Amino acid sequence: MSSLLKLHYFDLAARAEPIRLSFAIQEFPDGKMAVQSYAILRYVATLRPSYGLYPSNPLERLCVDQMMETFADIREKTRVVNVMPDGPAKRAAREELLNTTYPFYFDRVERMIGDNKYSAGDHLTISDLVIDSVFYWMFNIIELNIQPSILASYGKIRKIQELVASNSAVQLWREKREVKSLPAVAEGVAH
């Protein structure tokens, strides 16, 4: 194995951001080309089992995976509305997200978290990184003007965000990370 693992992905705080956060938490060697963000994230998280980012216990993995898939659903439903042409249909779809879709999913997530400290247990996992990154994307990257206040009634989800944000490795990564806007990334890809 090589001494460097390098991520080739759009320089945008979006689907690859949980992978970048797992890089920040772990230090490890590698050197293989791979595709698909969640597959890469799971792989990276298993390289240092002692960190516990992706549990070895199958039932604990199931909890992590179901949380990640739930947030993949949330991201996709949001993405579909985000790419709609501006107009009445997009405004109606945005309202549907805010008033129906998000409450349905966020209530479900709160139940899934249950009495856990984190989203899938009592320690940080990749599902927590995914949750944090999806909300960052929703609040800061896309152009639907979704505000963090949508989480006002969801204390468990907000707590996950606080726990991820307070992780020293994540804090260090965020201090160093230059987050680019979607137009800046698109411009870079076009050239």
C-alpha atoms as a PDB file:
ATOM      1  CA  MET A   1       0.000   0.000   0.000  1.00  0.00           C
ATOM      2  CA  SER A   2       1.174   3.509  -0.708  1.00  0.00           C
ATOM      3  CA  SER A   3       1.641   6.106   2.006  1.00  0.00           C
ATOM      4  CA  LEU A   4      -1.009   8.468   0.621  1.00  0.00           C
ATOM      5  CA  LEU A   5      -4.738   8.185   0.082  1.00  0.00           C
ATOM      6  CA  LYS A   6      -5.984  10.854  -2.316  1.00  0.00           C
ATOM      7  CA  LEU A   7      -9.576  11.754  -3.020  1.00  0.00           C
ATOM      8  CA  HIS A   8     -10.382  12.849  -6.579  1.00  0.00           C
ATOM      9  CA  TYR A   9     -13.794  14.489  -6.333  1.00  0.00           C
ATOM     10  CA  PHE A  10     -15.362  17.873  -6.965  1.00  0.00           C
ATOM     11  CA  ASP A  11     -13.890  20.372  -4.512  1.00  0.00           C
ATOM     12  CA  LEU A  12     -17.273  21.047  -2.982  1.00  0.00           C
ATOM     13  CA  ALA A  13     -18.649  20.343   0.489  1.00  0.00           C
ATOM     14  CA  ALA A  14     -21.195  17.819  -0.786  1.00  0.00           C
ATOM     15  CA  ARG A  15     -21.240  14.029  -1.252  1.00  0.00           C
ATOM     16  CA  ALA A  16     -17.508  13.588  -0.679  1.00  0.00           C
ATOM     17  CA  GLU A  17     -17.396  15.743   2.446  1.00  0.00           C
ATOM     18  CA  PRO A  18     -17.994  12.828   4.859  1.00  0.00           C
ATOM     19  CA  ILE A  19     -15.005  11.100   3.236  1.00  0.00           C
ATOM     20  CA  ARG A  20     -12.883  14.187   3.765  1.00  0.00           C
ATOM     21  CA  LEU A  21     -14.041  14.342   7.385  1.00  0.00           C
ATOM     22  CA  SER A  22     -13.109  10.679   7.885  1.00  0.00           C
ATOM     23  CA  PHE A  23      -9.667  11.508   6.444  1.00  0.00           C
ATOM     24  CA  ALA A  24      -9.386  14.257   9.046  1.00  0.00           C
ATOM     25  CA  ILE A  25     -10.281  11.895  11.877  1.00  0.00           C
ATOM     26  CA  GLN A  26      -8.058   9.020  10.736  1.00  0.00           C
ATOM     27  CA  GLU A  27      -4.535   8.863   9.402  1.00  0.00           C
ATOM     28  CA  PHE A  28      -3.812   5.840   7.215  1.00  0.00           C
ATOM     29  CA  PRO A  29      -2.072   4.592   4.071  1.00  0.00           C
ATOM     30  CA  ASP A  30      -3.658   3.451   0.807  1.00  0.00           C
ATOM     31  CA  GLY A  31      -3.536   3.997  -2.958  1.00  0.00           C
ATOM     32  CA  LYS A  32      -6.371   2.377  -4.956  1.00  0.00           C
ATOM     33  CA  MET A  33      -8.776   4.089  -7.351  1.00  0.00           C
ATOM     34  CA  ALA A  34     -12.435   3.631  -6.383  1.00  0.00           C
ATOM     35  CA  VAL A  35     -15.821   5.141  -7.238  1.00  0.00           C
ATOM     36  CA  GLN A  36     -19.117   5.842  -5.414  1.00  0.00           C
ATOM     37  CA  SER A  37     -18.953   8.090  -2.380  1.00  0.00           C
ATOM     38  CA  TYR A  38     -20.617   5.820   0.209  1.00  0.00           C
ATOM     39  CA  ALA A  39     -18.575   2.797  -0.879  1.00  0.00           C
ATOM     40  CA  ILE A  40     -15.400   4.874  -0.517  1.00  0.00           C
ATOM     41  CA  LEU A  41     -16.583   6.226   2.827  1.00  0.00           C
ATOM     42  CA  ARG A  42     -17.232   2.717   4.182  1.00  0.00           C
ATOM     43  CA  TYR A  43     -13.865   1.527   2.911  1.00  0.00           C
ATOM     44  CA  VAL A  44     -11.965   4.446   4.417  1.00  0.00           C
ATOM     45  CA  ALA A  45     -13.773   3.998   7.727  1.00  0.00           C
ATOM     46  CA  THR A  46     -12.757   0.320   7.951  1.00  0.00           C
ATOM     47  CA  LEU A  47      -9.047   1.012   7.475  1.00  0.00           C
ATOM     48  CA  ARG A  48      -8.600   1.989  11.107  1.00  0.00           C
ATOM     49  CA  PRO A  49     -11.080  -0.177  13.018  1.00  0.00           C
ATOM     50  CA  SER A  50      -9.888   1.240  16.334  1.00  0.00           C
ATOM     51  CA  TYR A  51     -11.538   4.569  15.447  1.00  0.00           C
ATOM     52  CA  GLY A  52     -14.927   2.862  15.208  1.00  0.00           C
ATOM     53  CA  LEU A  53     -16.189   5.013  12.350  1.00  0.00           C
ATOM     54  CA  TYR A  54     -17.704   1.909  10.720  1.00  0.00           C
ATOM     55  CA  PRO A  55     -18.396  -0.758  13.339  1.00  0.00           C
ATOM     56  CA  SER A  56     -17.294  -4.363  12.918  1.00  0.00           C
ATOM     57  CA  ASN A  57     -20.508  -5.679  14.486  1.00  0.00           C
ATOM     58  CA  PRO A  58     -23.048  -6.438  11.701  1.00  0.00           C
ATOM     59  CA  LEU A  59     -26.025  -5.110  13.674  1.00  0.00           C
ATOM     60  CA  GLU A  60     -24.197  -1.860  14.442  1.00  0.00           C
ATOM     61  CA  ARG A  61     -23.275  -1.582  10.748  1.00  0.00           C
ATOM     62  CA  LEU A  62     -26.930  -2.014   9.874  1.00  0.00           C
ATOM     63  CA  CYS A  63     -27.786   0.965  12.095  1.00  0.00           C
ATOM     64  CA  VAL A  64     -25.077   3.067  10.437  1.00  0.00           C
ATOM     65  CA  ASP A  65     -26.115   1.999   6.923  1.00  0.00           C
ATOM     66  CA  GLN A  66     -29.828   2.608   7.441  1.00  0.00           C
ATOM     67  CA  MET A  67     -29.103   6.103   8.754  1.00  0.00           C
ATOM     68  CA  MET A  68     -26.844   6.828   5.761  1.00  0.00           C
ATOM     69  CA  GLU A  69     -29.490   5.536   3.332  1.00  0.00           C
ATOM     70  CA  THR A  70     -32.161   7.655   5.016  1.00  0.00           C
ATOM     71  CA  PHE A  71     -30.011  10.737   4.493  1.00  0.00           C
ATOM     72  CA  ALA A  72     -29.328   9.662   0.907  1.00  0.00           C
ATOM     73  CA  ASP A  73     -33.113   9.730   0.419  1.00  0.00           C
ATOM     74  CA  ILE A  74     -33.335  13.194   2.006  1.00  0.00           C
ATOM     75  CA  ARG A  75     -30.496  14.455  -0.183  1.00  0.00           C
ATOM     76  CA  GLU A  76     -32.080  13.070  -3.352  1.00  0.00           C
ATOM     77  CA  LYS A  77     -35.528  14.507  -2.624  1.00  0.00           C
ATOM     78  CA  THR A  78     -33.878  17.865  -1.959  1.00  0.00           C
ATOM     79  CA  ARG A  79     -31.684  17.660  -5.065  1.00  0.00           C
ATOM     80  CA  VAL A  80     -34.674  16.998  -7.324  1.00  0.00           C
ATOM     81  CA  VAL A  81     -36.346  20.201  -6.129  1.00  0.00           C
ATOM     82  CA  ASN A  82     -33.108  22.182  -6.284  1.00  0.00           C
ATOM     83  CA  VAL A  83     -32.590  21.452  -9.994  1.00  0.00           C
ATOM     84  CA  MET A  84     -36.160  22.317 -10.988  1.00  0.00           C
ATOM     85  CA  PRO A  85     -36.575  25.460 -13.093  1.00  0.00           C
ATOM     86  CA  ASP A  86     -37.482  28.504 -11.011  1.00  0.00           C
ATOM     87  CA  GLY A  87     -41.193  29.168 -10.888  1.00  0.00           C
ATOM     88  CA  PRO A  88     -44.431  28.186  -9.167  1.00  0.00           C
ATOM     89  CA  ALA A  89     -43.798  24.423  -9.406  1.00  0.00           C
ATOM     90  CA  LYS A  90     -40.410  24.748  -7.713  1.00  0.00           C
ATOM     91  CA  ARG A  91     -41.839  26.988  -4.989  1.00  0.00           C
ATOM     92  CA  ALA A  92     -44.628  24.453  -4.352  1.00  0.00           C
ATOM     93  CA  ALA A  93     -42.127  21.578  -4.287  1.00  0.00           C
ATOM     94  CA  ARG A  94     -39.936  23.491  -1.811  1.00  0.00           C
ATOM     95  CA  GLU A  95     -42.949  24.030   0.457  1.00  0.00           C
ATOM     96  CA  GLU A  96     -43.727  20.305   0.203  1.00  0.00           C
ATOM     97  CA  LEU A  97     -40.156  19.551   1.335  1.00  0.00           C
ATOM     98  CA  LEU A  98     -40.414  21.917   4.291  1.00  0.00           C
ATOM     99  CA  ASN A  99     -43.934  21.024   5.411  1.00  0.00           C
ATOM    100  CA  THR A 100     -44.227  17.307   4.622  1.00  0.00           C
ATOM    101  CA  THR A 101     -41.076  15.555   3.417  1.00  0.00           C
ATOM    102  CA  TYR A 102     -38.601  16.856   5.988  1.00  0.00           C
ATOM    103  CA  PRO A 103     -40.920  16.387   8.980  1.00  0.00           C
ATOM    104  CA  PHE A 104     -41.606  12.806   7.858  1.00  0.00           C
ATOM    105  CA  TYR A 105     -37.895  11.995   7.612  1.00  0.00           C
ATOM    106  CA  PHE A 106     -36.725  14.009  10.612  1.00  0.00           C
ATOM    107  CA  ASP A 107     -39.334  12.382  12.879  1.00  0.00           C
ATOM    108  CA  ARG A 108     -38.145   8.995  11.618  1.00  0.00           C
ATOM    109  CA  VAL A 109     -34.494   9.903  12.235  1.00  0.00           C
ATOM    110  CA  GLU A 110     -35.265  11.067  15.775  1.00  0.00           C
ATOM    111  CA  ARG A 111     -36.909   7.675  16.449  1.00  0.00           C
ATOM    112  CA  MET A 112     -33.958   5.840  14.888  1.00  0.00           C
ATOM    113  CA  ILE A 113     -31.521   7.715  17.129  1.00  0.00           C
ATOM    114  CA  GLY A 114     -33.581   6.782  20.176  1.00  0.00           C
ATOM    115  CA  ASP A 115     -31.487   6.911  23.349  1.00  0.00           C
ATOM    116  CA  ASN A 116     -28.173   6.815  21.485  1.00  0.00           C
ATOM    117  CA  LYS A 117     -25.640   9.565  22.010  1.00  0.00           C
ATOM    118  CA  TYR A 118     -24.839   9.577  18.275  1.00  0.00           C
ATOM    119  CA  SER A 119     -26.967   8.612  15.278  1.00  0.00           C
ATOM    120  CA  ALA A 120     -26.216   4.886  15.421  1.00  0.00           C
ATOM    121  CA  GLY A 121     -24.794   4.246  18.872  1.00  0.00           C
ATOM    122  CA  ASP A 122     -22.644   5.772  21.552  1.00  0.00           C
ATOM    123  CA  HIS A 123     -19.671   6.876  19.437  1.00  0.00           C
ATOM    124  CA  LEU A 124     -18.995   8.833  16.257  1.00  0.00           C
ATOM    125  CA  THR A 125     -19.570   6.891  13.029  1.00  0.00           C
ATOM    126  CA  ILE A 126     -19.678   7.711   9.347  1.00  0.00           C
ATOM    127  CA  SER A 127     -23.455   8.122   9.575  1.00  0.00           C
ATOM    128  CA  ASP A 128     -22.882  11.144  11.826  1.00  0.00           C
ATOM    129  CA  LEU A 129     -20.484  12.585   9.254  1.00  0.00           C
ATOM    130  CA  VAL A 130     -23.075  12.022   6.524  1.00  0.00           C
ATOM    131  CA  ILE A 131     -25.807  13.721   8.562  1.00  0.00           C
ATOM    132  CA  ASP A 132     -23.609  16.725   9.235  1.00  0.00           C
ATOM    133  CA  SER A 133     -22.537  16.969   5.597  1.00  0.00           C
ATOM    134  CA  VAL A 134     -26.054  16.654   4.178  1.00  0.00           C
ATOM    135  CA  PHE A 135     -27.237  19.505   6.380  1.00  0.00           C
ATOM    136  CA  TYR A 136     -24.213  21.615   5.454  1.00  0.00           C
ATOM    137  CA  TRP A 137     -25.072  21.025   1.787  1.00  0.00           C
ATOM    138  CA  MET A 138     -28.741  21.885   2.368  1.00  0.00           C
ATOM    139  CA  PHE A 139     -28.032  25.056   4.343  1.00  0.00           C
ATOM    140  CA  ASN A 140     -24.983  26.382   2.467  1.00  0.00           C
ATOM    141  CA  ILE A 141     -24.533  24.930  -1.013  1.00  0.00           C
ATOM    142  CA  ILE A 142     -27.858  24.515  -2.759  1.00  0.00           C
ATOM    143  CA  GLU A 143     -30.092  27.436  -3.651  1.00  0.00           C
ATOM    144  CA  LEU A 144     -33.378  26.577  -1.928  1.00  0.00           C
ATOM    145  CA  ASN A 145     -32.878  28.948   1.015  1.00  0.00           C
ATOM    146  CA  ILE A 146     -33.364  26.165   3.562  1.00  0.00           C
ATOM    147  CA  GLN A 147     -32.561  27.443   7.042  1.00  0.00           C
ATOM    148  CA  PRO A 148     -31.185  25.575  10.070  1.00  0.00           C
ATOM    149  CA  SER A 149     -34.375  26.577  11.896  1.00  0.00           C
ATOM    150  CA  ILE A 150     -36.090  23.614  10.194  1.00  0.00           C
ATOM    151  CA  LEU A 151     -34.367  21.533  12.882  1.00  0.00           C
ATOM    152  CA  ALA A 152     -35.817  23.521  15.797  1.00  0.00           C
ATOM    153  CA  SER A 153     -38.067  20.628  16.872  1.00  0.00           C
ATOM    154  CA  TYR A 154     -35.425  17.950  16.351  1.00  0.00           C
ATOM    155  CA  GLY A 155     -33.080  18.060  19.336  1.00  0.00           C
ATOM    156  CA  LYS A 156     -31.434  14.705  18.640  1.00  0.00           C
ATOM    157  CA  ILE A 157     -30.473  15.702  15.113  1.00  0.00           C
ATOM    158  CA  ARG A 158     -29.155  19.065  16.330  1.00  0.00           C
ATOM    159  CA  LYS A 159     -27.126  17.225  18.985  1.00  0.00           C
ATOM    160  CA  ILE A 160     -25.494  15.076  16.265  1.00  0.00           C
ATOM    161  CA  GLN A 161     -24.451  18.250  14.458  1.00  0.00           C
ATOM    162  CA  GLU A 162     -23.021  19.676  17.694  1.00  0.00           C
ATOM    163  CA  LEU A 163     -21.087  16.477  18.426  1.00  0.00           C
ATOM    164  CA  VAL A 164     -19.583  16.367  14.931  1.00  0.00           C
ATOM    165  CA  ALA A 165     -18.736  20.081  15.062  1.00  0.00           C
ATOM    166  CA  SER A 166     -17.039  19.667  18.445  1.00  0.00           C
ATOM    167  CA  ASN A 167     -14.787  16.812  17.279  1.00  0.00           C
ATOM    168  CA  SER A 168     -11.233  18.191  17.373  1.00  0.00           C
ATOM    169  CA  ALA A 169     -10.201  16.533  14.100  1.00  0.00           C
ATOM    170  CA  VAL A 170     -13.281  17.884  12.331  1.00  0.00           C
ATOM    171  CA  GLN A 171     -12.623  21.358  13.760  1.00  0.00           C
ATOM    172  CA  LEU A 172      -9.038  21.263  12.498  1.00  0.00           C
ATOM    173  CA  TRP A 173     -10.177  20.109   9.053  1.00  0.00           C
ATOM    174  CA  ARG A 174     -12.757  22.877   8.842  1.00  0.00           C
ATOM    175  CA  GLU A 175     -10.214  25.505   9.838  1.00  0.00           C
ATOM    176  CA  LYS A 176      -7.988  24.409   6.934  1.00  0.00           C
ATOM    177  CA  ARG A 177     -10.709  23.596   4.388  1.00  0.00           C
ATOM    178  CA  GLU A 178     -11.408  26.128   1.683  1.00  0.00           C
ATOM    179  CA  VAL A 179     -15.061  25.546   0.852  1.00  0.00           C
ATOM    180  CA  LYS A 180     -15.891  26.537  -2.687  1.00  0.00           C
ATOM    181  CA  SER A 181     -19.280  27.545  -4.007  1.00  0.00           C
ATOM    182  CA  LEU A 182     -21.097  25.436  -6.576  1.00  0.00           C
ATOM    183  CA  PRO A 183     -20.538  28.023  -9.363  1.00  0.00           C
ATOM    184  CA  ALA A 184     -16.786  28.129  -8.598  1.00  0.00           C
ATOM    185  CA  VAL A 185     -16.529  24.341  -8.783  1.00  0.00           C
ATOM    186  CA  ALA A 186     -18.549  24.263 -12.013  1.00  0.00           C
ATOM    187  CA  GLU A 187     -16.277  26.925 -13.503  1.00  0.00           C
ATOM    188  CA  GLY A 188     -13.201  24.880 -12.566  1.00  0.00           C
ATOM    189  CA  VAL A 189     -14.647  21.740 -14.176  1.00  0.00           C
ATOM    190  CA  ALA A 190     -15.512  23.627 -17.369  1.00  0.00           C
ATOM    191  CA  HIS A 191     -11.880  24.581 -17.974  1.00  0.00           C
END
